[in-house]
Amino acid sequence: MLTMNEELIAELSEIGHEIGSHTATHKVLTDLDTSKLREELKISKKYLEDITGKEVLGFAYPYGIYNLRVIREVSKYYYYARATDILFLEDPLNIRVLNRYVIGSVSIKTLSKMILYAINPVLSSYIKPTIFIHDINASKWAILRFMIHILQKVNAKFLTMKELVEIIEKGH
């Protein structure tokens, strides 16, 4: 996704948000040969690291599609990976050894739904809302800043994905 606004990426990073990779061209990774797959992973990682000056640890599978071959390649470049929903194209029992590369999430796209999940103890005990931004522009950034402000008012806890992965791995 190398068409994103570099200034907004840098600003998000500077104020503490973790920036993750989503490939260079948003292709279905399971369709690529290994050489092209590696190129997608390396180019986007370097691009974001050059903008932020920080190591890019996280990855999101385009379209949420991946298999064991893709997971193995992603694990060479990134600390963890996630999908918007779990869509694994092979036997899920084979995945046991690579847990930090199959983090699922639930898409919450509206402010009201985000606040509802954040402040409702019943809902938040089942689903831990996570904000992922697929692409960013000035209007989305303004909305996100407003959402963060509101969530801070209700004492929502903010973690980077790396921190969340570490909590998951410790079993808390």
C-alpha atoms as a PDB file:
ATOM      1  CA  MET A   1       0.000   0.000   0.000  1.00  0.00           C
ATOM      2  CA  LEU A   2       2.758   2.389  -0.953  1.00  0.00           C
ATOM      3  CA  THR A   3       0.268   5.060  -2.001  1.00  0.00           C
ATOM      4  CA  MET A   4      -0.475   6.145   1.556  1.00  0.00           C
ATOM      5  CA  ASN A   5       0.339   9.620   2.800  1.00  0.00           C
ATOM      6  CA  GLU A   6       3.908   9.566   4.132  1.00  0.00           C
ATOM      7  CA  GLU A   7       3.396  12.621   6.355  1.00  0.00           C
ATOM      8  CA  LEU A   8       0.412  11.034   8.116  1.00  0.00           C
ATOM      9  CA  ILE A   9       2.277   7.758   8.554  1.00  0.00           C
ATOM     10  CA  ALA A  10       5.167   9.654  10.133  1.00  0.00           C
ATOM     11  CA  GLU A  11       2.806  11.656  12.364  1.00  0.00           C
ATOM     12  CA  LEU A  12       1.002   8.523  13.577  1.00  0.00           C
ATOM     13  CA  SER A  13       4.326   6.900  14.365  1.00  0.00           C
ATOM     14  CA  GLU A  14       5.691   9.974  16.136  1.00  0.00           C
ATOM     15  CA  ILE A  15       2.764  10.133  18.555  1.00  0.00           C
ATOM     16  CA  GLY A  16       3.155   6.481  19.547  1.00  0.00           C
ATOM     17  CA  HIS A  17       1.026   4.450  17.171  1.00  0.00           C
ATOM     18  CA  GLU A  18       2.556   1.253  15.880  1.00  0.00           C
ATOM     19  CA  ILE A  19       2.799   1.161  12.091  1.00  0.00           C
ATOM     20  CA  GLY A  20       2.457  -2.235  10.445  1.00  0.00           C
ATOM     21  CA  SER A  21       2.962  -3.446   6.914  1.00  0.00           C
ATOM     22  CA  HIS A  22       0.263  -4.556   4.493  1.00  0.00           C
ATOM     23  CA  THR A  23       2.484  -5.317   1.449  1.00  0.00           C
ATOM     24  CA  ALA A  24       3.615  -3.087  -1.358  1.00  0.00           C
ATOM     25  CA  THR A  25       0.767  -3.724  -3.804  1.00  0.00           C
ATOM     26  CA  HIS A  26      -2.011  -5.501  -1.827  1.00  0.00           C
ATOM     27  CA  LYS A  27      -1.936  -8.718  -3.842  1.00  0.00           C
ATOM     28  CA  VAL A  28      -3.311 -12.049  -2.645  1.00  0.00           C
ATOM     29  CA  LEU A  29      -0.116 -13.502  -1.189  1.00  0.00           C
ATOM     30  CA  THR A  30      -1.092 -17.145  -1.681  1.00  0.00           C
ATOM     31  CA  ASP A  31      -1.182 -16.486  -5.453  1.00  0.00           C
ATOM     32  CA  LEU A  32       2.433 -15.253  -5.578  1.00  0.00           C
ATOM     33  CA  ASP A  33       5.547 -17.350  -6.074  1.00  0.00           C
ATOM     34  CA  THR A  34       8.008 -17.194  -3.187  1.00  0.00           C
ATOM     35  CA  SER A  35      10.259 -14.645  -4.869  1.00  0.00           C
ATOM     36  CA  LYS A  36       7.390 -12.178  -5.487  1.00  0.00           C
ATOM     37  CA  LEU A  37       6.038 -12.829  -1.998  1.00  0.00           C
ATOM     38  CA  ARG A  38       9.374 -11.929  -0.419  1.00  0.00           C
ATOM     39  CA  GLU A  39       9.574  -8.804  -2.570  1.00  0.00           C
ATOM     40  CA  GLU A  40       6.113  -7.660  -1.357  1.00  0.00           C
ATOM     41  CA  LEU A  41       7.152  -8.193   2.264  1.00  0.00           C
ATOM     42  CA  LYS A  42      10.589  -6.566   2.027  1.00  0.00           C
ATOM     43  CA  ILE A  43       9.613  -3.498  -0.019  1.00  0.00           C
ATOM     44  CA  SER A  44       6.757  -2.435   2.236  1.00  0.00           C
ATOM     45  CA  LYS A  45       8.766  -3.088   5.412  1.00  0.00           C
ATOM     46  CA  LYS A  46      11.687  -0.973   4.212  1.00  0.00           C
ATOM     47  CA  TYR A  47       9.378   1.774   2.934  1.00  0.00           C
ATOM     48  CA  LEU A  48       7.672   2.151   6.316  1.00  0.00           C
ATOM     49  CA  GLU A  49      10.922   1.892   8.280  1.00  0.00           C
ATOM     50  CA  ASP A  50      12.417   4.657   6.137  1.00  0.00           C
ATOM     51  CA  ILE A  51       9.422   6.893   6.885  1.00  0.00           C
ATOM     52  CA  THR A  52       9.158   6.178  10.620  1.00  0.00           C
ATOM     53  CA  GLY A  53      12.778   5.486  11.517  1.00  0.00           C
ATOM     54  CA  LYS A  54      11.486   2.503  13.522  1.00  0.00           C
ATOM     55  CA  GLU A  55      11.499  -1.226  12.956  1.00  0.00           C
ATOM     56  CA  VAL A  56       8.199  -2.455  11.518  1.00  0.00           C
ATOM     57  CA  LEU A  57       7.181  -5.486  13.569  1.00  0.00           C
ATOM     58  CA  GLY A  58       3.616  -6.156  12.443  1.00  0.00           C
ATOM     59  CA  PHE A  59       2.017  -7.366   9.270  1.00  0.00           C
ATOM     60  CA  ALA A  60      -1.591  -7.662   8.053  1.00  0.00           C
ATOM     61  CA  TYR A  61      -2.473 -10.212   5.372  1.00  0.00           C
ATOM     62  CA  PRO A  62      -4.167  -8.558   2.383  1.00  0.00           C
ATOM     63  CA  TYR A  63      -7.795  -9.706   2.239  1.00  0.00           C
ATOM     64  CA  GLY A  64      -7.061 -11.836   5.324  1.00  0.00           C
ATOM     65  CA  ILE A  65      -5.862 -14.677   3.081  1.00  0.00           C
ATOM     66  CA  TYR A  66      -2.820 -16.740   3.997  1.00  0.00           C
ATOM     67  CA  ASN A  67      -1.487 -20.288   4.198  1.00  0.00           C
ATOM     68  CA  LEU A  68       1.488 -21.997   5.841  1.00  0.00           C
ATOM     69  CA  ARG A  69       3.922 -20.950   3.097  1.00  0.00           C
ATOM     70  CA  VAL A  70       2.886 -17.298   3.468  1.00  0.00           C
ATOM     71  CA  ILE A  71       3.084 -17.497   7.265  1.00  0.00           C
ATOM     72  CA  ARG A  72       6.602 -18.945   7.078  1.00  0.00           C
ATOM     73  CA  GLU A  73       7.779 -16.128   4.792  1.00  0.00           C
ATOM     74  CA  VAL A  74       6.069 -13.433   6.871  1.00  0.00           C
ATOM     75  CA  SER A  75       7.703 -14.827  10.021  1.00  0.00           C
ATOM     76  CA  LYS A  76      11.141 -14.147   8.486  1.00  0.00           C
ATOM     77  CA  TYR A  77      10.456 -10.403   8.334  1.00  0.00           C
ATOM     78  CA  TYR A  78       7.852  -9.595  11.009  1.00  0.00           C
ATOM     79  CA  TYR A  79       7.318 -10.273  14.715  1.00  0.00           C
ATOM     80  CA  TYR A  80       3.587 -10.948  14.330  1.00  0.00           C
ATOM     81  CA  ALA A  81       0.822 -10.916  11.715  1.00  0.00           C
ATOM     82  CA  ARG A  82      -2.937 -10.522  11.733  1.00  0.00           C
ATOM     83  CA  ALA A  83      -6.007 -10.666   9.545  1.00  0.00           C
ATOM     84  CA  THR A  84      -9.323  -8.852   9.756  1.00  0.00           C
ATOM     85  CA  ASP A  85     -10.943 -12.255  10.105  1.00  0.00           C
ATOM     86  CA  ILE A  86      -9.401 -15.705  10.210  1.00  0.00           C
ATOM     87  CA  LEU A  87      -9.349 -17.081   6.686  1.00  0.00           C
ATOM     88  CA  PHE A  88      -6.794 -19.850   6.658  1.00  0.00           C
ATOM     89  CA  LEU A  89      -6.556 -21.864   3.477  1.00  0.00           C
ATOM     90  CA  GLU A  90      -5.165 -25.047   5.014  1.00  0.00           C
ATOM     91  CA  ASP A  91      -5.926 -27.369   7.918  1.00  0.00           C
ATOM     92  CA  PRO A  92      -6.039 -25.113  11.015  1.00  0.00           C
ATOM     93  CA  LEU A  93      -4.535 -27.873  13.160  1.00  0.00           C
ATOM     94  CA  ASN A  94      -1.217 -27.412  11.330  1.00  0.00           C
ATOM     95  CA  ILE A  95      -0.975 -23.835  12.593  1.00  0.00           C
ATOM     96  CA  ARG A  96      -0.171 -24.565  16.259  1.00  0.00           C
ATOM     97  CA  VAL A  97       3.509 -23.638  16.058  1.00  0.00           C
ATOM     98  CA  LEU A  98       3.000 -20.185  14.537  1.00  0.00           C
ATOM     99  CA  ASN A  99       0.354 -18.601  16.814  1.00  0.00           C
ATOM    100  CA  ARG A 100       1.658 -15.044  16.691  1.00  0.00           C
ATOM    101  CA  TYR A 101       1.212 -15.085  12.911  1.00  0.00           C
ATOM    102  CA  VAL A 102      -2.537 -15.834  12.935  1.00  0.00           C
ATOM    103  CA  ILE A 103      -3.961 -13.098  15.178  1.00  0.00           C
ATOM    104  CA  GLY A 104      -7.592 -12.501  14.286  1.00  0.00           C
ATOM    105  CA  SER A 105      -9.561  -9.337  14.892  1.00  0.00           C
ATOM    106  CA  VAL A 106     -13.048  -7.981  14.557  1.00  0.00           C
ATOM    107  CA  SER A 107     -13.662  -5.025  12.321  1.00  0.00           C
ATOM    108  CA  ILE A 108     -15.236  -2.120  14.182  1.00  0.00           C
ATOM    109  CA  LYS A 109     -15.664   0.787  11.802  1.00  0.00           C
ATOM    110  CA  THR A 110     -17.902   3.268  13.604  1.00  0.00           C
ATOM    111  CA  LEU A 111     -17.248   5.510  16.567  1.00  0.00           C
ATOM    112  CA  SER A 112     -20.456   4.467  18.318  1.00  0.00           C
ATOM    113  CA  LYS A 113     -19.653   0.764  17.977  1.00  0.00           C
ATOM    114  CA  MET A 114     -16.086   1.319  19.221  1.00  0.00           C
ATOM    115  CA  ILE A 115     -17.297   3.214  22.279  1.00  0.00           C
ATOM    116  CA  LEU A 116     -20.030   0.648  22.946  1.00  0.00           C
ATOM    117  CA  TYR A 117     -17.481  -2.185  22.984  1.00  0.00           C
ATOM    118  CA  ALA A 118     -14.990  -0.165  25.029  1.00  0.00           C
ATOM    119  CA  ILE A 119     -17.350   0.828  27.833  1.00  0.00           C
ATOM    120  CA  ASN A 120     -19.743  -2.150  27.986  1.00  0.00           C
ATOM    121  CA  PRO A 121     -18.180  -4.706  30.380  1.00  0.00           C
ATOM    122  CA  VAL A 122     -20.177  -7.608  28.919  1.00  0.00           C
ATOM    123  CA  LEU A 123     -19.229  -6.894  25.312  1.00  0.00           C
ATOM    124  CA  SER A 124     -15.621  -5.993  26.092  1.00  0.00           C
ATOM    125  CA  SER A 125     -15.145  -9.257  27.983  1.00  0.00           C
ATOM    126  CA  TYR A 126     -15.854 -11.140  24.739  1.00  0.00           C
ATOM    127  CA  ILE A 127     -14.279  -8.852  22.160  1.00  0.00           C
ATOM    128  CA  LYS A 128     -11.332  -6.567  22.765  1.00  0.00           C
ATOM    129  CA  PRO A 129     -11.879  -3.834  20.172  1.00  0.00           C
ATOM    130  CA  THR A 130      -8.834  -3.057  18.142  1.00  0.00           C
ATOM    131  CA  ILE A 131      -8.401  -0.127  15.791  1.00  0.00           C
ATOM    132  CA  PHE A 132      -6.689  -1.001  12.543  1.00  0.00           C
ATOM    133  CA  ILE A 133      -6.424   1.539   9.777  1.00  0.00           C
ATOM    134  CA  HIS A 134      -6.291   0.073   6.293  1.00  0.00           C
ATOM    135  CA  ASP A 135      -5.308   3.351   4.699  1.00  0.00           C
ATOM    136  CA  ILE A 136      -5.114   6.880   6.003  1.00  0.00           C
ATOM    137  CA  ASN A 137      -6.032  10.293   4.739  1.00  0.00           C
ATOM    138  CA  ALA A 138      -6.637  13.626   6.466  1.00  0.00           C
ATOM    139  CA  SER A 139     -10.341  13.047   7.128  1.00  0.00           C
ATOM    140  CA  LYS A 140      -9.798   9.527   8.535  1.00  0.00           C
ATOM    141  CA  TRP A 141      -6.993  10.858  10.718  1.00  0.00           C
ATOM    142  CA  ALA A 142      -9.295  13.569  12.097  1.00  0.00           C
ATOM    143  CA  ILE A 143     -11.948  10.955  12.933  1.00  0.00           C
ATOM    144  CA  LEU A 144      -9.348   8.665  14.505  1.00  0.00           C
ATOM    145  CA  ARG A 145      -8.020  11.497  16.700  1.00  0.00           C
ATOM    146  CA  PHE A 146     -11.574  12.203  17.833  1.00  0.00           C
ATOM    147  CA  MET A 147     -12.179   8.493  18.574  1.00  0.00           C
ATOM    148  CA  ILE A 148      -8.981   8.296  20.617  1.00  0.00           C
ATOM    149  CA  HIS A 149      -9.974  11.409  22.568  1.00  0.00           C
ATOM    150  CA  ILE A 150     -13.406   9.945  23.409  1.00  0.00           C
ATOM    151  CA  LEU A 151     -11.937   6.557  24.332  1.00  0.00           C
ATOM    152  CA  GLN A 152      -9.374   8.186  26.613  1.00  0.00           C
ATOM    153  CA  LYS A 153     -12.268   9.894  28.421  1.00  0.00           C
ATOM    154  CA  VAL A 154     -13.790   6.479  29.203  1.00  0.00           C
ATOM    155  CA  ASN A 155     -10.408   5.135  30.372  1.00  0.00           C
ATOM    156  CA  ALA A 156      -9.872   2.779  27.437  1.00  0.00           C
ATOM    157  CA  LYS A 157      -6.488   1.097  27.525  1.00  0.00           C
ATOM    158  CA  PHE A 158      -4.254   1.577  24.521  1.00  0.00           C
ATOM    159  CA  LEU A 159      -1.611  -0.976  23.569  1.00  0.00           C
ATOM    160  CA  THR A 160       0.567  -1.443  20.560  1.00  0.00           C
ATOM    161  CA  MET A 161       0.081  -4.717  18.708  1.00  0.00           C
ATOM    162  CA  LYS A 162       3.496  -5.818  19.962  1.00  0.00           C
ATOM    163  CA  GLU A 163       2.337  -5.319  23.552  1.00  0.00           C
ATOM    164  CA  LEU A 164      -0.889  -7.220  22.808  1.00  0.00           C
ATOM    165  CA  VAL A 165       1.057 -10.116  21.263  1.00  0.00           C
ATOM    166  CA  GLU A 166       3.314 -10.271  24.324  1.00  0.00           C
ATOM    167  CA  ILE A 167       0.247 -10.434  26.607  1.00  0.00           C
ATOM    168  CA  ILE A 168      -1.300 -13.186  24.473  1.00  0.00           C
ATOM    169  CA  GLU A 169       1.930 -15.182  24.497  1.00  0.00           C
ATOM    170  CA  LYS A 170       2.173 -14.933  28.294  1.00  0.00           C
ATOM    171  CA  GLY A 171      -1.387 -16.258  28.516  1.00  0.00           C
ATOM    172  CA  HIS A 172      -2.906 -13.278  30.345  1.00  0.00           C
END
